[in-house]
Amino acid sequence: MLRLAVVFLLIAIVAAVFGFGGIAGTSAWIAKILFVVFLILFALSFLFGRRSLV
């Protein structure tokens, strides 16, 4: 998930450098969404993964 966010961020940066504003904006938006999903899943797995069965 984090890898996809970084890939879309790099696509956005490259597209912005070459002047493709629409593609850059969309890629940056997708990267933000994926990063937020990653943070939520990371926090949930950290909180619930530390449970002890004893």
C-alpha atoms as a PDB file:
ATOM      1  CA  MET A   1       0.000   0.000   0.000  1.00  0.00           C
ATOM      2  CA  LEU A   2       2.761   2.395   0.924  1.00  0.00           C
ATOM      3  CA  ARG A   3       4.679   1.397  -2.191  1.00  0.00           C
ATOM      4  CA  LEU A   4       1.686   2.309  -4.373  1.00  0.00           C
ATOM      5  CA  ALA A   5       1.399   5.674  -2.650  1.00  0.00           C
ATOM      6  CA  VAL A   6       5.052   6.394  -3.388  1.00  0.00           C
ATOM      7  CA  VAL A   7       4.648   5.267  -7.011  1.00  0.00           C
ATOM      8  CA  PHE A   8       1.680   7.585  -7.535  1.00  0.00           C
ATOM      9  CA  LEU A   9       3.573  10.421  -5.845  1.00  0.00           C
ATOM     10  CA  LEU A  10       6.494   9.935  -8.236  1.00  0.00           C
ATOM     11  CA  ILE A  11       4.104   9.847 -11.200  1.00  0.00           C
ATOM     12  CA  ALA A  12       2.583  13.107  -9.971  1.00  0.00           C
ATOM     13  CA  ILE A  13       5.976  14.770  -9.643  1.00  0.00           C
ATOM     14  CA  VAL A  14       7.132  13.656 -13.088  1.00  0.00           C
ATOM     15  CA  ALA A  15       3.824  14.707 -14.664  1.00  0.00           C
ATOM     16  CA  ALA A  16       4.030  18.113 -12.966  1.00  0.00           C
ATOM     17  CA  VAL A  17       7.567  18.643 -14.244  1.00  0.00           C
ATOM     18  CA  PHE A  18       6.435  17.938 -17.803  1.00  0.00           C
ATOM     19  CA  GLY A  19       3.373  20.160 -17.453  1.00  0.00           C
ATOM     20  CA  PHE A  20       0.582  17.586 -17.301  1.00  0.00           C
ATOM     21  CA  GLY A  21      -1.486  19.255 -14.591  1.00  0.00           C
ATOM     22  CA  GLY A  22      -4.513  16.965 -14.762  1.00  0.00           C
ATOM     23  CA  ILE A  23      -2.506  13.782 -14.489  1.00  0.00           C
ATOM     24  CA  ALA A  24      -0.341  15.279 -11.751  1.00  0.00           C
ATOM     25  CA  GLY A  25      -3.360  16.334  -9.701  1.00  0.00           C
ATOM     26  CA  THR A  26      -5.093  12.989 -10.053  1.00  0.00           C
ATOM     27  CA  SER A  27      -1.948  11.037  -9.181  1.00  0.00           C
ATOM     28  CA  ALA A  28      -1.299  13.230  -6.152  1.00  0.00           C
ATOM     29  CA  TRP A  29      -4.913  12.735  -4.992  1.00  0.00           C
ATOM     30  CA  ILE A  30      -4.609   8.941  -5.344  1.00  0.00           C
ATOM     31  CA  ALA A  31      -1.291   9.011  -3.472  1.00  0.00           C
ATOM     32  CA  LYS A  32      -2.898  10.958  -0.597  1.00  0.00           C
ATOM     33  CA  ILE A  33      -5.819   8.542  -0.373  1.00  0.00           C
ATOM     34  CA  LEU A  34      -3.534   5.499  -0.392  1.00  0.00           C
ATOM     35  CA  PHE A  35      -1.296   7.033   2.259  1.00  0.00           C
ATOM     36  CA  VAL A  36      -4.263   7.744   4.548  1.00  0.00           C
ATOM     37  CA  VAL A  37      -5.536   4.182   4.079  1.00  0.00           C
ATOM     38  CA  PHE A  38      -2.041   2.905   4.879  1.00  0.00           C
ATOM     39  CA  LEU A  39      -1.899   4.982   8.070  1.00  0.00           C
ATOM     40  CA  ILE A  40      -5.310   3.760   9.222  1.00  0.00           C
ATOM     41  CA  LEU A  41      -4.474   0.112   8.546  1.00  0.00           C
ATOM     42  CA  PHE A  42      -1.083   0.499  10.209  1.00  0.00           C
ATOM     43  CA  ALA A  43      -2.634   2.000  13.336  1.00  0.00           C
ATOM     44  CA  LEU A  44      -5.292  -0.712  13.501  1.00  0.00           C
ATOM     45  CA  SER A  45      -2.785  -3.519  13.058  1.00  0.00           C
ATOM     46  CA  PHE A  46      -0.518  -1.948  15.676  1.00  0.00           C
ATOM     47  CA  LEU A  47      -3.324  -1.643  18.208  1.00  0.00           C
ATOM     48  CA  PHE A  48      -5.034  -4.979  17.645  1.00  0.00           C
ATOM     49  CA  GLY A  49      -1.952  -6.978  16.739  1.00  0.00           C
ATOM     50  CA  ARG A  50      -0.416  -6.444  20.198  1.00  0.00           C
ATOM     51  CA  ARG A  51      -3.186  -8.343  21.990  1.00  0.00           C
ATOM     52  CA  SER A  52      -2.217 -11.235  24.183  1.00  0.00           C
ATOM     53  CA  LEU A  53      -4.394 -14.330  24.366  1.00  0.00           C
ATOM     54  CA  VAL A  54      -3.487 -14.955  28.016  1.00  0.00           C
END
